[in-house]
Amino acid sequence: MPQSLSRLLIHLVWSTKHRHPYLSSDIRAHVHSRIAEIVRCCGCQAYRVGGVSDHVHIALRLSRTISTADLVREIKTASCKHIKSHYPSLTDFAWQAGYGAFSLDMDQLEVLTRYIDNQEVHHQTDTYQQEYRTLLHKHEVEFDERFVWD
């Protein structure tokens, strides 16, 4: 086959360091917009970026030219620098070291974007840790609780 083709829908999720609520509602839209821009600059398509004060969710089409790990590293590095430069009160801002990446069928995109859009409502009852454990179980990802949180 002379051509490489792909269409991979990925749900990325990670928290702020120690789940600190750095992403207040007044800056969240700006940060999410910047993350979407970073995703596009990496050759991927951002369908939705959302979350609440202590974590972010991204629904994206992964380019065939970048690995998930490289994309996450670029998003975290560039967005952290952006946050620190635009919000002087957030000089201590940091993302957690790890992340979750879950593959979905393209026909699940609408459900995923709706899920991301409803984060504020969802987190009125569930914490990030509860949500993340649920995602890991749903996608049958084995994990050791001792190494999930930082």
Protein backbone atom coordinates (compact mmCIF):
# COMPACT_ATOMS: atom_id res chain seq x y z
CA MET A 1 0.00 0.00 0.00
CA PRO A 2 1.67 3.27 -1.06
CA GLN A 3 -0.27 5.52 1.29
CA SER A 4 -0.66 5.59 5.08
CA LEU A 5 -4.20 6.38 6.24
CA SER A 6 -5.84 6.51 9.64
CA ARG A 7 -8.84 7.83 11.50
CA LEU A 8 -8.33 7.49 15.24
CA LEU A 9 -10.70 9.07 17.76
CA ILE A 10 -8.97 9.54 21.10
CA HIS A 11 -10.34 10.73 24.44
CA LEU A 12 -7.52 12.26 26.49
CA VAL A 13 -7.88 13.17 30.13
CA TRP A 14 -5.49 14.36 32.82
CA SER A 15 -5.57 16.52 35.91
CA THR A 16 -3.67 19.40 37.33
CA LYS A 17 -0.85 18.52 39.71
CA HIS A 18 -2.38 17.09 42.91
CA ARG A 19 -5.80 17.93 41.38
CA HIS A 20 -5.37 21.54 42.49
CA PRO A 21 -8.26 23.71 41.17
CA TYR A 22 -6.06 26.05 39.09
CA LEU A 23 -8.48 26.32 36.17
CA SER A 24 -11.07 28.72 37.53
CA SER A 25 -14.14 29.43 35.44
CA ASP A 26 -12.83 32.85 34.40
CA ILE A 27 -9.77 31.41 32.62
CA ARG A 28 -11.00 27.96 31.61
CA ALA A 29 -12.40 28.87 28.17
CA HIS A 30 -9.17 30.64 27.25
CA VAL A 31 -7.05 27.67 28.37
CA HIS A 32 -9.27 25.19 26.52
CA SER A 33 -9.07 27.31 23.37
CA ARG A 34 -5.28 27.38 23.60
CA ILE A 35 -5.19 23.58 24.05
CA ALA A 36 -7.34 23.15 20.92
CA GLU A 37 -4.91 25.39 19.03
CA ILE A 38 -1.94 23.30 20.20
CA VAL A 39 -3.73 20.11 19.08
CA ARG A 40 -4.28 21.62 15.61
CA CYS A 41 -0.64 22.76 15.40
CA CYS A 42 0.35 19.14 15.96
CA GLY A 43 -1.65 18.08 12.90
CA CYS A 44 -4.57 16.64 14.85
CA GLN A 45 -8.20 17.75 14.92
CA ALA A 46 -9.67 18.90 18.23
CA TYR A 47 -13.37 18.09 18.31
CA ARG A 48 -13.83 19.30 21.90
CA VAL A 49 -11.76 20.50 24.84
CA GLY A 50 -13.44 20.84 28.22
CA GLY A 51 -13.26 20.05 31.87
CA VAL A 52 -13.48 21.72 35.24
CA SER A 53 -11.06 23.43 37.62
CA ASP A 54 -8.84 20.40 38.25
CA HIS A 55 -8.73 18.48 34.96
CA VAL A 56 -9.14 18.55 31.21
CA HIS A 57 -10.80 16.29 28.62
CA ILE A 58 -9.97 16.36 24.91
CA ALA A 59 -11.81 14.62 22.09
CA LEU A 60 -9.52 14.53 19.07
CA ARG A 61 -8.62 12.84 15.83
CA LEU A 62 -5.03 11.68 16.18
CA SER A 63 -2.81 12.38 13.19
CA ARG A 64 -0.95 9.44 11.72
CA THR A 65 2.31 11.40 12.10
CA ILE A 66 2.42 11.83 15.90
CA SER A 67 2.20 9.42 18.80
CA THR A 68 -0.23 9.91 21.64
CA ALA A 69 2.66 10.36 24.09
CA ASP A 70 4.32 13.02 21.92
CA LEU A 71 1.03 14.87 21.47
CA VAL A 72 0.27 14.88 25.20
CA ARG A 73 3.80 16.06 25.99
CA GLU A 74 3.44 18.93 23.50
CA ILE A 75 -0.01 19.93 24.81
CA LYS A 76 1.11 19.87 28.44
CA THR A 77 4.37 21.74 27.82
CA ALA A 78 2.92 24.45 25.58
CA SER A 79 -0.25 24.98 27.61
CA CYS A 80 1.68 25.15 30.90
CA LYS A 81 3.99 27.82 29.48
CA HIS A 82 0.99 29.69 28.10
CA ILE A 83 -0.89 29.59 31.43
CA LYS A 84 2.13 30.79 33.39
CA SER A 85 2.83 33.63 30.96
CA HIS A 86 -0.78 34.86 30.75
CA TYR A 87 -1.77 34.38 34.39
CA PRO A 88 0.98 35.65 36.75
CA SER A 89 -0.90 34.36 39.79
CA LEU A 90 -0.48 30.81 38.44
CA THR A 91 3.31 30.58 38.52
CA ASP A 92 2.97 27.29 40.45
CA PHE A 93 0.68 25.75 37.80
CA ALA A 94 1.54 22.22 36.68
CA TRP A 95 -0.20 19.27 35.05
CA GLN A 96 -0.01 15.80 36.60
CA ALA A 97 2.70 13.58 35.15
CA GLY A 98 0.38 10.95 33.67
CA TYR A 99 -2.67 10.89 31.45
CA GLY A 100 -5.43 8.62 30.23
CA ALA A 101 -5.91 7.94 26.53
CA PHE A 102 -8.92 5.98 25.38
CA SER A 103 -9.81 4.98 21.83
CA LEU A 104 -13.38 5.15 20.61
CA ASP A 105 -15.26 4.43 17.40
CA MET A 106 -16.06 7.50 15.31
CA ASP A 107 -19.78 6.83 15.82
CA GLN A 108 -19.19 7.61 19.53
CA LEU A 109 -17.97 11.16 18.84
CA GLU A 110 -21.30 12.84 19.59
CA VAL A 111 -21.64 10.99 22.90
CA LEU A 112 -18.07 11.93 23.83
CA THR A 113 -18.47 15.63 22.98
CA ARG A 114 -21.72 15.75 24.94
CA TYR A 115 -19.96 14.10 27.89
CA ILE A 116 -17.19 16.71 27.76
CA ASP A 117 -19.74 19.54 27.43
CA ASN A 118 -21.50 18.33 30.58
CA GLN A 119 -18.47 18.26 32.87
CA GLU A 120 -19.77 21.01 35.17
CA VAL A 121 -22.96 19.06 35.86
CA HIS A 122 -21.16 15.72 36.10
CA HIS A 123 -18.75 17.04 38.73
CA GLN A 124 -21.46 18.32 40.99
CA THR A 125 -21.64 14.73 42.25
CA ASP A 126 -18.44 12.94 41.17
CA THR A 127 -14.81 13.85 41.82
CA TYR A 128 -12.12 13.66 39.16
CA GLN A 129 -10.75 10.54 40.86
CA GLN A 130 -14.15 8.80 40.72
CA GLU A 131 -14.57 9.79 37.08
CA TYR A 132 -11.07 8.62 36.13
CA ARG A 133 -11.50 5.25 37.86
CA THR A 134 -14.80 4.82 35.99
CA LEU A 135 -13.09 5.55 32.66
CA LEU A 136 -10.31 3.09 33.42
CA HIS A 137 -12.81 0.36 34.29
CA LYS A 138 -15.04 1.14 31.30
CA HIS A 139 -12.11 0.83 28.92
CA GLU A 140 -10.76 -2.24 30.75
CA VAL A 141 -7.45 -0.60 31.63
CA GLU A 142 -5.63 -2.39 34.43
CA PHE A 143 -4.05 -0.02 36.94
CA ASP A 144 -2.41 0.07 40.32
CA GLU A 145 -4.04 2.71 42.52
CA ARG A 146 -0.68 3.47 44.16
CA PHE A 147 0.69 4.87 40.90
CA VAL A 148 -2.33 6.65 39.40
CA TRP A 149 -2.28 9.85 41.45
CA ASP A 150 0.40 12.46 41.96
